[in-house]
N, C-alpha and C. Protein backbone atom coordinates (compact mmCIF):
# COMPACT_ATOMS: atom_id res chain seq x y z
N MET A 1 -7.22 18.16 1.97
CA MET A 1 -8.14 17.95 3.41
C MET A 1 -7.67 18.23 4.54
N THR A 2 -7.36 18.91 5.04
CA THR A 2 -7.50 18.93 6.27
C THR A 2 -7.45 18.12 7.79
N LEU A 3 -7.15 17.47 8.91
CA LEU A 3 -8.29 16.61 9.26
C LEU A 3 -8.37 17.86 10.03
N GLU A 4 -8.42 19.46 10.29
CA GLU A 4 -9.33 20.22 10.92
C GLU A 4 -11.19 20.12 11.08
N ASN A 5 -10.97 19.53 9.06
CA ASN A 5 -12.46 19.92 8.83
C ASN A 5 -13.09 18.17 8.67
N LEU A 6 -12.04 17.26 9.33
CA LEU A 6 -13.50 16.59 9.37
C LEU A 6 -13.59 15.87 10.68
N SER A 7 -14.63 14.72 10.87
CA SER A 7 -15.22 15.14 12.40
C SER A 7 -14.88 13.97 12.57
N GLY A 8 -15.20 13.57 14.04
CA GLY A 8 -13.36 12.23 14.74
C GLY A 8 -13.86 11.04 14.49
N VAL A 9 -14.94 10.48 13.91
CA VAL A 9 -15.55 9.61 13.27
C VAL A 9 -14.17 9.39 11.85
N ASP A 10 -14.43 10.98 11.36
CA ASP A 10 -13.61 10.32 9.64
C ASP A 10 -11.89 10.62 9.84
N SER A 11 -11.92 11.19 11.53
CA SER A 11 -10.33 12.00 12.06
C SER A 11 -9.62 11.05 11.69
N THR A 12 -10.44 9.95 12.81
CA THR A 12 -10.00 8.00 13.25
C THR A 12 -9.25 7.61 11.99
N LEU A 13 -10.95 7.82 11.15
CA LEU A 13 -10.28 6.87 10.00
C LEU A 13 -8.90 7.15 9.38
N HIS A 14 -9.23 8.60 8.94
CA HIS A 14 -7.87 9.09 7.88
C HIS A 14 -6.53 8.88 8.43
N LYS A 15 -6.48 9.47 9.70
CA LYS A 15 -4.85 8.86 10.34
C LYS A 15 -4.97 7.20 9.71
N GLU A 16 -4.87 7.06 10.81
CA GLU A 16 -5.36 5.32 10.16
C GLU A 16 -4.95 4.41 8.88
N ILE A 17 -6.06 5.67 7.68
CA ILE A 17 -5.68 5.13 6.15
C ILE A 17 -4.49 5.73 5.95
N GLY A 18 -3.79 7.58 7.26
CA GLY A 18 -2.23 7.35 6.41
C GLY A 18 -1.12 7.07 7.35
N ASP A 19 -1.47 6.60 8.48
CA ASP A 19 -0.36 5.07 9.22
C ASP A 19 -0.74 4.22 8.28
N PHE A 20 -1.00 3.82 7.67
CA PHE A 20 -1.42 2.38 6.66
C PHE A 20 0.23 3.00 5.51
N ASN A 21 -0.75 4.21 5.07
CA ASN A 21 -0.26 4.29 3.70
C ASN A 21 1.67 3.85 4.38
N LEU A 22 1.69 5.44 5.50
CA LEU A 22 3.26 5.34 5.29
C LEU A 22 3.80 3.74 5.65
N THR A 23 3.09 3.10 6.98
CA THR A 23 3.74 1.45 6.31
C THR A 23 3.57 1.04 5.14
N TYR A 24 3.00 0.64 4.21
CA TYR A 24 2.72 0.20 3.15
C TYR A 24 3.87 0.93 2.06
N MET A 25 4.07 2.14 2.01
CA MET A 25 5.41 3.15 1.47
C MET A 25 6.56 3.14 2.21
N LEU A 26 6.84 2.69 3.17
CA LEU A 26 8.32 2.52 3.82
C LEU A 26 8.55 0.87 3.37
N LEU A 27 7.83 0.30 3.19
CA LEU A 27 7.77 -1.39 3.45
C LEU A 27 8.35 -1.36 1.29
N ALA A 28 7.57 -0.33 0.79
CA ALA A 28 7.04 -0.88 -0.49
C ALA A 28 8.98 -0.74 -1.07
N GLN A 29 9.45 0.49 -0.62
CA GLN A 29 10.64 1.45 -0.57
C GLN A 29 11.77 0.64 -0.18
N LYS A 30 11.49 -0.39 0.84
CA LYS A 30 12.85 -0.73 1.27
C LYS A 30 12.65 -2.71 0.11
N LEU A 31 11.33 -2.97 -0.12
CA LEU A 31 11.68 -4.10 -0.66
C LEU A 31 12.28 -3.75 -2.10
N VAL A 32 11.74 -1.80 -3.02
CA VAL A 32 12.56 -2.22 -4.56
C VAL A 32 13.75 -1.77 -4.23
N LYS A 33 14.16 -1.49 -2.83
CA LYS A 33 15.53 -0.70 -3.02
C LYS A 33 16.11 -2.08 -3.04
N GLU A 34 15.87 -3.28 -1.81
CA GLU A 34 16.06 -4.76 -1.68
C GLU A 34 16.71 -5.65 -3.12
N ASP A 35 15.86 -5.86 -3.23
CA ASP A 35 15.81 -6.00 -5.62
C ASP A 35 14.93 -5.79 -6.03
N GLY A 36 14.41 -4.69 -7.65
CA GLY A 36 13.99 -4.48 -8.19
C GLY A 36 12.48 -5.23 -8.47
N ALA A 37 13.53 -6.62 -9.10
CA ALA A 37 12.88 -7.31 -9.98
C ALA A 37 11.13 -8.14 -8.90
N VAL A 38 11.91 -8.05 -8.12
CA VAL A 38 10.70 -9.07 -6.93
C VAL A 38 9.82 -7.95 -6.98
N ALA A 39 10.24 -6.97 -6.24
CA ALA A 39 9.54 -5.77 -6.04
C ALA A 39 8.75 -5.66 -6.63
N MET A 40 8.51 -5.23 -7.74
CA MET A 40 7.60 -4.92 -9.08
C MET A 40 7.02 -6.13 -9.13
N SER A 41 7.15 -7.00 -9.00
CA SER A 41 6.45 -8.43 -9.15
C SER A 41 4.94 -8.37 -8.07
N ARG A 42 5.53 -8.21 -6.72
CA ARG A 42 5.21 -8.55 -5.77
C ARG A 42 4.16 -6.91 -5.63
N LEU A 43 4.93 -5.39 -5.88
CA LEU A 43 3.80 -4.98 -6.08
C LEU A 43 3.20 -4.77 -7.34
N GLY A 44 3.15 -5.67 -8.04
CA GLY A 44 2.22 -4.84 -8.95
C GLY A 44 3.33 -3.90 -9.61
N ILE A 45 4.15 -3.04 -9.85
CA ILE A 45 4.04 -1.78 -10.24
C ILE A 45 5.51 -2.29 -11.16
N SER A 46 5.66 -0.29 -11.92
CA SER A 46 6.17 -0.87 -12.62
C SER A 46 7.57 -0.14 -12.87
N LYS A 47 8.13 -0.71 -13.84
CA LYS A 47 10.31 -0.04 -13.68
C LYS A 47 9.95 0.86 -13.28
N ASP A 48 9.75 2.15 -14.16
CA ASP A 48 9.01 3.48 -13.28
C ASP A 48 8.80 3.75 -12.23
N LEU A 49 8.31 3.83 -12.10
CA LEU A 49 7.58 3.50 -10.08
C LEU A 49 8.10 2.66 -9.86
N ALA A 50 9.04 1.86 -9.62
CA ALA A 50 10.12 1.46 -9.09
C ALA A 50 10.72 2.54 -9.33
N ALA A 51 11.82 2.94 -9.69
CA ALA A 51 12.55 3.58 -9.59
C ALA A 51 12.29 5.15 -9.05
N LEU A 52 11.10 5.37 -9.19
CA LEU A 52 10.31 6.80 -8.49
C LEU A 52 10.44 6.33 -7.01
N LEU A 53 10.13 5.31 -6.51
CA LEU A 53 9.85 4.77 -5.28
C LEU A 53 11.04 4.80 -4.06
N SER A 54 12.64 3.60 -5.29
CA SER A 54 13.45 4.54 -4.46
C SER A 54 14.75 5.18 -4.13
N ASN A 55 13.89 5.65 -5.30
CA ASN A 55 14.02 7.89 -5.09
C ASN A 55 13.71 8.94 -3.79
N MET A 56 12.77 7.62 -3.65
CA MET A 56 11.42 9.27 -2.39
C MET A 56 12.42 9.38 -1.21
N SER A 57 12.93 10.88 -1.04
CA SER A 57 12.87 11.25 0.28
C SER A 57 11.47 10.06 1.07
N SER A 58 11.98 10.85 2.21
CA SER A 58 11.02 10.94 3.16
C SER A 58 9.71 11.55 3.67
N ALA A 59 10.90 12.76 3.54
CA ALA A 59 9.56 13.54 3.60
C ALA A 59 8.69 13.56 2.39
N GLN A 60 8.71 12.94 1.35
CA GLN A 60 7.99 13.06 -0.44
C GLN A 60 6.88 12.29 0.85
N ILE A 61 7.63 11.12 1.34
CA ILE A 61 7.08 9.93 1.08
C ILE A 61 5.58 10.34 1.90
N VAL A 62 5.76 10.54 3.52
CA VAL A 62 5.36 10.79 4.43
C VAL A 62 3.87 11.70 3.82
N LYS A 63 4.58 13.00 3.04
CA LYS A 63 4.07 13.40 2.67
C LYS A 63 2.58 13.32 1.57
N LEU A 64 2.96 11.97 0.63
CA LEU A 64 1.77 10.95 -0.02
C LEU A 64 1.36 10.38 0.71
N ALA A 65 1.77 9.90 1.59
CA ALA A 65 0.84 9.00 3.05
C ALA A 65 -0.69 9.72 3.45
N GLU A 66 0.16 10.84 4.05
CA GLU A 66 -0.85 12.01 3.98
C GLU A 66 -2.38 11.62 3.08
N THR A 67 -3.09 11.54 2.28
CA THR A 67 -3.84 11.69 1.57
C THR A 67 -5.01 10.95 2.37
N ASN A 68 -6.32 10.75 1.99
CA ASN A 68 -7.32 10.39 2.75
C ASN A 68 -7.86 8.84 2.05
N LEU A 69 -6.59 8.78 0.77
CA LEU A 69 -7.03 7.12 -0.44
C LEU A 69 -6.19 6.54 0.33
N MET A 70 -6.48 4.58 0.22
CA MET A 70 -5.56 3.94 0.09
C MET A 70 -4.05 4.46 -0.79
N LEU A 71 -3.29 4.25 -0.61
CA LEU A 71 -2.05 4.32 -1.78
C LEU A 71 -2.83 2.85 -2.20
N CYS A 72 -2.60 1.68 -2.08
CA CYS A 72 -2.38 0.08 -2.46
C CYS A 72 -3.63 -0.61 -2.42
N SER A 73 -3.70 -1.01 -3.54
CA SER A 73 -5.46 -2.31 -3.50
C SER A 73 -4.85 -3.53 -3.47
N PHE A 74 -5.97 -3.63 -3.58
CA PHE A 74 -5.87 -5.37 -3.27
C PHE A 74 -5.92 -6.72 -4.02
N SER A 75 -4.93 -7.11 -4.82
CA SER A 75 -5.47 -8.00 -6.04
C SER A 75 -5.27 -9.10 -5.89
N LEU A 76 -6.20 -10.32 -6.46
CA LEU A 76 -5.86 -12.03 -6.34
C LEU A 76 -6.47 -12.25 -7.32
N GLU A 77 -4.83 -13.10 -8.20
CA GLU A 77 -4.95 -13.24 -9.48
C GLU A 77 -5.95 -14.80 -9.28
N SER A 78 -5.95 -15.48 -10.00
CA SER A 78 -6.97 -16.48 -10.37
C SER A 78 -6.69 -17.40 -9.66
N ALA A 79 -5.78 -17.84 -9.66
CA ALA A 79 -4.77 -18.85 -8.60
C ALA A 79 -4.77 -18.94 -6.90
N THR A 80 -4.44 -17.53 -6.70
CA THR A 80 -5.05 -17.27 -5.45
C THR A 80 -6.03 -17.50 -4.94
N LEU A 81 -6.78 -16.72 -5.90
CA LEU A 81 -8.30 -16.16 -4.93
C LEU A 81 -9.29 -17.99 -4.99
N ALA A 82 -8.65 -18.73 -6.04
CA ALA A 82 -8.82 -20.20 -5.93
C ALA A 82 -8.86 -20.54 -4.69
N SER A 83 -6.92 -20.86 -4.80
CA SER A 83 -7.00 -21.36 -3.36
C SER A 83 -7.66 -20.91 -2.16
N VAL A 84 -7.84 -19.66 -1.99
CA VAL A 84 -8.51 -19.17 -0.65
C VAL A 84 -10.04 -19.66 -1.02
N ARG A 85 -10.62 -19.72 -1.83
CA ARG A 85 -11.84 -20.24 -1.77
C ARG A 85 -12.19 -22.05 -1.37
N ASP A 86 -10.73 -22.50 -2.19
CA ASP A 86 -11.01 -23.97 -1.80
C ASP A 86 -10.55 -24.41 -0.14
N ILE A 87 -9.29 -23.45 0.69
CA ILE A 87 -8.97 -23.29 1.76
C ILE A 87 -10.34 -23.32 2.54
N HIS A 88 -11.04 -21.39 2.29
CA HIS A 88 -13.05 -21.86 2.92
C HIS A 88 -13.60 -22.36 2.84
N SER A 89 -14.06 -23.24 1.40
CA SER A 89 -14.95 -23.82 1.12
C SER A 89 -14.42 -26.05 1.78
N THR A 90 -13.44 -25.68 2.54
CA THR A 90 -12.78 -27.30 3.52
C THR A 90 -12.95 -27.37 4.67
N ARG A 91 -13.47 -26.05 5.08
CA ARG A 91 -13.27 -25.21 6.58
C ARG A 91 -14.82 -25.72 6.63
N ASN A 92 -15.65 -24.95 6.20
CA ASN A 92 -17.59 -25.72 6.39
C ASN A 92 -18.04 -26.60 6.03
């Protein structure tokens, strides 16, 4: 899908997703290169994916980031979710 085929709103959203993906991928690669084990835990990725990410070129990362899909997903462990819920309930 190219930007030329998108409406104005969709084009803006696509660009924002691409910008987010690029920032995320560059940060993820930096984390993996600095400390692979910690990065795998924080990012929830496998050793194979960490190795792949570590070896990607800037051009490959930019190309991957251009997708219209978010490259990361939110995951809250039960304890984290409970903590957020508890903080929210004490404020109300």
